[in-house]
Amino acid sequence: MNILLLLIPLSLVLIGIAVWIFLWAVRRGQFEDLDTPALDILRDDEHERPRRAADEGGDDDAD
């Protein structure tokens, strides 16, 4: 029974910290644009396409 005297205030402090972090994130604009990050994974990155051997400029017929 004595453990409740520790766990109840500890849980209230943790809930308070979680609410504070959530409000901080909302004020900083973390939840402004929820659609674009989900669509970004579907786009191909131009700079990360694999190169072909002819595009790299290597000499294929060198000794």
PDB file of N, CA and C in Angstrom:
ATOM      1  N   MET A   1       0.829  -1.198   0.000  1.00  0.00           N
ATOM      2  CA  MET A   1       0.000   0.000   0.000  1.00  0.00           C
ATOM      3  C   MET A   1       0.866   1.251   0.000  1.00  0.00           C
ATOM      4  N   ASN A   2       2.031   1.169   0.645  1.00  0.00           N
ATOM      5  CA  ASN A   2       2.901   2.338   0.707  1.00  0.00           C
ATOM      6  C   ASN A   2       3.497   2.704  -0.654  1.00  0.00           C
ATOM      7  N   ILE A   3       3.568   1.728  -1.551  1.00  0.00           N
ATOM      8  CA  ILE A   3       4.126   1.998  -2.867  1.00  0.00           C
ATOM      9  C   ILE A   3       3.231   2.962  -3.646  1.00  0.00           C
ATOM     10  N   LEU A   4       1.935   2.973  -3.362  1.00  0.00           N
ATOM     11  CA  LEU A   4       1.021   3.902  -4.030  1.00  0.00           C
ATOM     12  C   LEU A   4       1.366   5.353  -3.698  1.00  0.00           C
ATOM     13  N   LEU A   5       1.910   5.583  -2.523  1.00  0.00           N
ATOM     14  CA  LEU A   5       2.307   6.939  -2.152  1.00  0.00           C
ATOM     15  C   LEU A   5       3.460   7.433  -3.021  1.00  0.00           C
ATOM     16  N   LEU A   6       4.196   6.533  -3.618  1.00  0.00           N
ATOM     17  CA  LEU A   6       5.282   6.897  -4.536  1.00  0.00           C
ATOM     18  C   LEU A   6       4.808   6.892  -5.987  1.00  0.00           C
ATOM     19  N   LEU A   7       4.047   5.881  -6.368  1.00  0.00           N
ATOM     20  CA  LEU A   7       3.684   5.708  -7.766  1.00  0.00           C
ATOM     21  C   LEU A   7       2.664   6.731  -8.270  1.00  0.00           C
ATOM     22  N   ILE A   8       1.717   7.122  -7.462  1.00  0.00           N
ATOM     23  CA  ILE A   8       0.701   8.090  -7.913  1.00  0.00           C
ATOM     24  C   ILE A   8       1.332   9.458  -8.184  1.00  0.00           C
ATOM     25  N   PRO A   9       2.112  10.030  -7.281  1.00  0.00           N
ATOM     26  CA  PRO A   9       2.755  11.309  -7.630  1.00  0.00           C
ATOM     27  C   PRO A   9       3.748  11.187  -8.789  1.00  0.00           C
ATOM     28  N   LEU A  10       4.454  10.064  -8.866  1.00  0.00           N
ATOM     29  CA  LEU A  10       5.391   9.862  -9.967  1.00  0.00           C
ATOM     30  C   LEU A  10       4.662   9.813 -11.306  1.00  0.00           C
ATOM     31  N   SER A  11       3.524   9.139 -11.351  1.00  0.00           N
ATOM     32  CA  SER A  11       2.752   9.071 -12.591  1.00  0.00           C
ATOM     33  C   SER A  11       2.178  10.438 -12.955  1.00  0.00           C
ATOM     34  N   LEU A  12       1.774  11.213 -11.969  1.00  0.00           N
ATOM     35  CA  LEU A  12       1.270  12.559 -12.253  1.00  0.00           C
ATOM     36  C   LEU A  12       2.371  13.467 -12.802  1.00  0.00           C
ATOM     37  N   VAL A  13       3.579  13.320 -12.284  1.00  0.00           N
ATOM     38  CA  VAL A  13       4.705  14.102 -12.794  1.00  0.00           C
ATOM     39  C   VAL A  13       5.024  13.696 -14.229  1.00  0.00           C
ATOM     40  N   LEU A  14       5.012  12.408 -14.515  1.00  0.00           N
ATOM     41  CA  LEU A  14       5.285  11.944 -15.874  1.00  0.00           C
ATOM     42  C   LEU A  14       4.216  12.390 -16.858  1.00  0.00           C
ATOM     43  N   ILE A  15       2.958  12.386 -16.448  1.00  0.00           N
ATOM     44  CA  ILE A  15       1.877  12.878 -17.303  1.00  0.00           C
ATOM     45  C   ILE A  15       2.059  14.372 -17.562  1.00  0.00           C
ATOM     46  N   GLY A  16       2.436  15.108 -16.537  1.00  0.00           N
ATOM     47  CA  GLY A  16       2.684  16.539 -16.706  1.00  0.00           C
ATOM     48  C   GLY A  16       3.820  16.818 -17.679  1.00  0.00           C
ATOM     49  N   ILE A  17       4.881  16.030 -17.606  1.00  0.00           N
ATOM     50  CA  ILE A  17       6.013  16.194 -18.534  1.00  0.00           C
ATOM     51  C   ILE A  17       5.578  15.855 -19.955  1.00  0.00           C
ATOM     52  N   ALA A  18       4.802  14.800 -20.135  1.00  0.00           N
ATOM     53  CA  ALA A  18       4.332  14.411 -21.466  1.00  0.00           C
ATOM     54  C   ALA A  18       3.437  15.485 -22.070  1.00  0.00           C
ATOM     55  N   VAL A  19       2.549  16.071 -21.272  1.00  0.00           N
ATOM     56  CA  VAL A  19       1.684  17.143 -21.760  1.00  0.00           C
ATOM     57  C   VAL A  19       2.517  18.371 -22.126  1.00  0.00           C
ATOM     58  N   TRP A  20       3.514  18.698 -21.327  1.00  0.00           N
ATOM     59  CA  TRP A  20       4.379  19.849 -21.621  1.00  0.00           C
ATOM     60  C   TRP A  20       5.150  19.635 -22.931  1.00  0.00           C
ATOM     61  N   ILE A  21       5.670  18.433 -23.142  1.00  0.00           N
ATOM     62  CA  ILE A  21       6.398  18.142 -24.387  1.00  0.00           C
ATOM     63  C   ILE A  21       5.456  18.214 -25.582  1.00  0.00           C
ATOM     64  N   PHE A  22       4.239  17.714 -25.440  1.00  0.00           N
ATOM     65  CA  PHE A  22       3.270  17.790 -26.527  1.00  0.00           C
ATOM     66  C   PHE A  22       2.925  19.233 -26.857  1.00  0.00           C
ATOM     67  N   LEU A  23       2.674  20.044 -25.855  1.00  0.00           N
ATOM     68  CA  LEU A  23       2.348  21.459 -26.110  1.00  0.00           C
ATOM     69  C   LEU A  23       3.537  22.200 -26.715  1.00  0.00           C
ATOM     70  N   TRP A  24       4.734  21.873 -26.296  1.00  0.00           N
ATOM     71  CA  TRP A  24       5.929  22.478 -26.874  1.00  0.00           C
ATOM     72  C   TRP A  24       6.032  22.150 -28.365  1.00  0.00           C
ATOM     73  N   ALA A  25       5.770  20.885 -28.722  1.00  0.00           N
ATOM     74  CA  ALA A  25       5.836  20.467 -30.115  1.00  0.00           C
ATOM     75  C   ALA A  25       4.755  21.145 -30.952  1.00  0.00           C
ATOM     76  N   VAL A  26       3.577  21.315 -30.402  1.00  0.00           N
ATOM     77  CA  VAL A  26       2.498  21.976 -31.137  1.00  0.00           C
ATOM     78  C   VAL A  26       2.847  23.448 -31.377  1.00  0.00           C
ATOM     79  N   ARG A  27       3.386  24.107 -30.384  1.00  0.00           N
ATOM     80  CA  ARG A  27       3.756  25.520 -30.540  1.00  0.00           C
ATOM     81  C   ARG A  27       4.899  25.713 -31.519  1.00  0.00           C
ATOM     82  N   ARG A  28       5.787  24.734 -31.636  1.00  0.00           N
ATOM     83  CA  ARG A  28       6.931  24.817 -32.564  1.00  0.00           C
ATOM     84  C   ARG A  28       6.544  24.450 -33.990  1.00  0.00           C
ATOM     85  N   GLY A  29       5.301  24.027 -34.220  1.00  0.00           N
ATOM     86  CA  GLY A  29       4.847  23.728 -35.567  1.00  0.00           C
ATOM     87  C   GLY A  29       5.190  22.336 -36.054  1.00  0.00           C
ATOM     88  N   GLN A  30       5.389  21.394 -35.157  1.00  0.00           N
ATOM     89  CA  GLN A  30       5.749  20.047 -35.563  1.00  0.00           C
ATOM     90  C   GLN A  30       4.598  19.319 -36.248  1.00  0.00           C
ATOM     91  N   PHE A  31       3.375  19.753 -36.026  1.00  0.00           N
ATOM     92  CA  PHE A  31       2.216  19.071 -36.589  1.00  0.00           C
ATOM     93  C   PHE A  31       1.523  19.907 -37.662  1.00  0.00           C
ATOM     94  N   GLU A  32       2.236  20.848 -38.254  1.00  0.00           N
ATOM     95  CA  GLU A  32       1.651  21.722 -39.272  1.00  0.00           C
ATOM     96  C   GLU A  32       1.349  20.963 -40.563  1.00  0.00           C
ATOM     97  N   ASP A  33       2.314  20.223 -41.083  1.00  0.00           N
ATOM     98  CA  ASP A  33       2.177  19.561 -42.372  1.00  0.00           C
ATOM     99  C   ASP A  33       2.345  18.062 -42.175  1.00  0.00           C
ATOM    100  N   LEU A  34       1.228  17.345 -42.118  1.00  0.00           N
ATOM    101  CA  LEU A  34       1.286  15.916 -41.870  1.00  0.00           C
ATOM    102  C   LEU A  34       1.251  15.093 -43.152  1.00  0.00           C
ATOM    103  N   ASP A  35       0.920  15.708 -44.293  1.00  0.00           N
ATOM    104  CA  ASP A  35       0.774  14.954 -45.531  1.00  0.00           C
ATOM    105  C   ASP A  35       2.067  14.848 -46.327  1.00  0.00           C
ATOM    106  N   THR A  36       2.870  15.898 -46.363  1.00  0.00           N
ATOM    107  CA  THR A  36       4.066  15.905 -47.199  1.00  0.00           C
ATOM    108  C   THR A  36       5.091  14.844 -46.795  1.00  0.00           C
ATOM    109  N   PRO A  37       5.419  14.642 -45.520  1.00  0.00           N
ATOM    110  CA  PRO A  37       6.398  13.599 -45.197  1.00  0.00           C
ATOM    111  C   PRO A  37       5.949  12.200 -45.620  1.00  0.00           C
ATOM    112  N   ALA A  38       4.663  11.936 -45.610  1.00  0.00           N
ATOM    113  CA  ALA A  38       4.181  10.628 -46.041  1.00  0.00           C
ATOM    114  C   ALA A  38       4.342  10.443 -47.543  1.00  0.00           C
ATOM    115  N   LEU A  39       4.255  11.518 -48.298  1.00  0.00           N
ATOM    116  CA  LEU A  39       4.399  11.431 -49.752  1.00  0.00           C
ATOM    117  C   LEU A  39       5.855  11.500 -50.188  1.00  0.00           C
ATOM    118  N   ASP A  40       6.735  12.038 -49.369  1.00  0.00           N
ATOM    119  CA  ASP A  40       8.148  12.159 -49.730  1.00  0.00           C
ATOM    120  C   ASP A  40       8.801  10.809 -49.948  1.00  0.00           C
ATOM    121  N   ILE A  41       8.349   9.795 -49.252  1.00  0.00           N
ATOM    122  CA  ILE A  41       8.972   8.481 -49.389  1.00  0.00           C
ATOM    123  C   ILE A  41       8.655   7.856 -50.742  1.00  0.00           C
ATOM    124  N   LEU A  42       7.607   8.321 -51.400  1.00  0.00           N
ATOM    125  CA  LEU A  42       7.229   7.776 -52.692  1.00  0.00           C
ATOM    126  C   LEU A  42       7.989   8.418 -53.846  1.00  0.00           C
ATOM    127  N   ARG A  43       8.601   9.567 -53.623  1.00  0.00           N
ATOM    128  CA  ARG A  43       9.322  10.271 -54.678  1.00  0.00           C
ATOM    129  C   ARG A  43      10.724   9.703 -54.834  1.00  0.00           C
ATOM    130  N   ASP A  44      11.200   9.712 -56.082  1.00  0.00           N
ATOM    131  CA  ASP A  44      12.579   9.312 -56.350  1.00  0.00           C
ATOM    132  C   ASP A  44      13.487  10.507 -56.175  1.00  0.00           C
ATOM    133  N   ASP A  45      14.615  10.294 -55.541  1.00  0.00           N
ATOM    134  CA  ASP A  45      15.603  11.351 -55.393  1.00  0.00           C
ATOM    135  C   ASP A  45      16.485  11.373 -56.632  1.00  0.00           C
ATOM    136  N   GLU A  46      16.635  12.523 -57.234  1.00  0.00           N
ATOM    137  CA  GLU A  46      17.443  12.652 -58.441  1.00  0.00           C
ATOM    138  C   GLU A  46      18.909  12.379 -58.163  1.00  0.00           C
ATOM    139  N   HIS A  47      19.416  12.804 -57.047  1.00  0.00           N
ATOM    140  CA  HIS A  47      20.845  12.678 -56.768  1.00  0.00           C
ATOM    141  C   HIS A  47      21.240  11.282 -56.279  1.00  0.00           C
ATOM    142  N   GLU A  48      20.289  10.402 -56.042  1.00  0.00           N
ATOM    143  CA  GLU A  48      20.620   9.075 -55.539  1.00  0.00           C
ATOM    144  C   GLU A  48      20.317   7.962 -56.527  1.00  0.00           C
ATOM    145  N   ARG A  49      20.085   8.310 -57.795  1.00  0.00           N
ATOM    146  CA  ARG A  49      19.855   7.269 -58.782  1.00  0.00           C
ATOM    147  C   ARG A  49      21.152   6.534 -59.063  1.00  0.00           C
ATOM    148  N   PRO A  50      21.098   5.231 -59.281  1.00  0.00           N
ATOM    149  CA  PRO A  50      22.327   4.492 -59.575  1.00  0.00           C
ATOM    150  C   PRO A  50      22.889   4.904 -60.928  1.00  0.00           C
ATOM    151  N   ARG A  51      24.205   4.971 -61.006  1.00  0.00           N
ATOM    152  CA  ARG A  51      24.866   5.368 -62.244  1.00  0.00           C
ATOM    153  C   ARG A  51      25.205   4.128 -63.064  1.00  0.00           C
ATOM    154  N   ARG A  52      25.167   4.302 -64.377  1.00  0.00           N
ATOM    155  CA  ARG A  52      25.624   3.244 -65.272  1.00  0.00           C
ATOM    156  C   ARG A  52      27.121   3.387 -65.461  1.00  0.00           C
ATOM    157  N   ALA A  53      27.777   2.350 -65.937  1.00  0.00           N
ATOM    158  CA  ALA A  53      29.234   2.368 -66.116  1.00  0.00           C
ATOM    159  C   ALA A  53      29.648   3.415 -67.138  1.00  0.00           C
ATOM    160  N   ALA A  54      28.826   3.659 -68.175  1.00  0.00           N
ATOM    161  CA  ALA A  54      29.172   4.636 -69.205  1.00  0.00           C
ATOM    162  C   ALA A  54      29.080   6.058 -68.658  1.00  0.00           C
ATOM    163  N   ASP A  55      28.248   6.290 -67.659  1.00  0.00           N
ATOM    164  CA  ASP A  55      28.087   7.631 -67.091  1.00  0.00           C
ATOM    165  C   ASP A  55      29.228   7.996 -66.148  1.00  0.00           C
ATOM    166  N   GLU A  56      29.943   7.021 -65.639  1.00  0.00           N
ATOM    167  CA  GLU A  56      30.980   7.296 -64.654  1.00  0.00           C
ATOM    168  C   GLU A  56      32.263   7.822 -65.279  1.00  0.00           C
ATOM    169  N   GLY A  57      32.413   7.689 -66.588  1.00  0.00           N
ATOM    170  CA  GLY A  57      33.597   8.222 -67.254  1.00  0.00           C
ATOM    171  C   GLY A  57      34.797   7.329 -67.168  1.00  0.00           C
ATOM    172  N   GLY A  58      34.607   6.062 -66.816  1.00  0.00           N
ATOM    173  CA  GLY A  58      35.741   5.127 -66.710  1.00  0.00           C
ATOM    174  C   GLY A  58      36.145   4.624 -68.081  1.00  0.00           C
ATOM    175  N   ASP A  59      37.391   4.272 -68.241  1.00  0.00           N
ATOM    176  CA  ASP A  59      37.883   3.711 -69.499  1.00  0.00           C
ATOM    177  C   ASP A  59      37.695   2.200 -69.456  1.00  0.00           C
ATOM    178  N   ASP A  60      36.736   1.723 -70.241  1.00  0.00           N
ATOM    179  CA  ASP A  60      36.460   0.286 -70.249  1.00  0.00           C
ATOM    180  C   ASP A  60      37.446  -0.476 -71.111  1.00  0.00           C
ATOM    181  N   ASP A  61      38.054   0.149 -72.190  1.00  0.00           N
ATOM    182  CA  ASP A  61      38.949  -0.573 -73.057  1.00  0.00           C
ATOM    183  C   ASP A  61      40.418  -0.282 -72.764  1.00  0.00           C
ATOM    184  N   ALA A  62      40.738   0.110 -71.574  1.00  0.00           N
ATOM    185  CA  ALA A  62      42.143   0.334 -71.205  1.00  0.00           C
ATOM    186  C   ALA A  62      42.774  -1.004 -70.824  1.00  0.00           C
ATOM    187  N   ASP A  63      44.105  -1.138 -71.064  1.00  0.00           N
ATOM    188  CA  ASP A  63      44.806  -2.384 -70.745  1.00  0.00           C
ATOM    189  C   ASP A  63      44.763  -2.594 -69.295  1.00  0.00           C
TER     190      ASP A  63
END
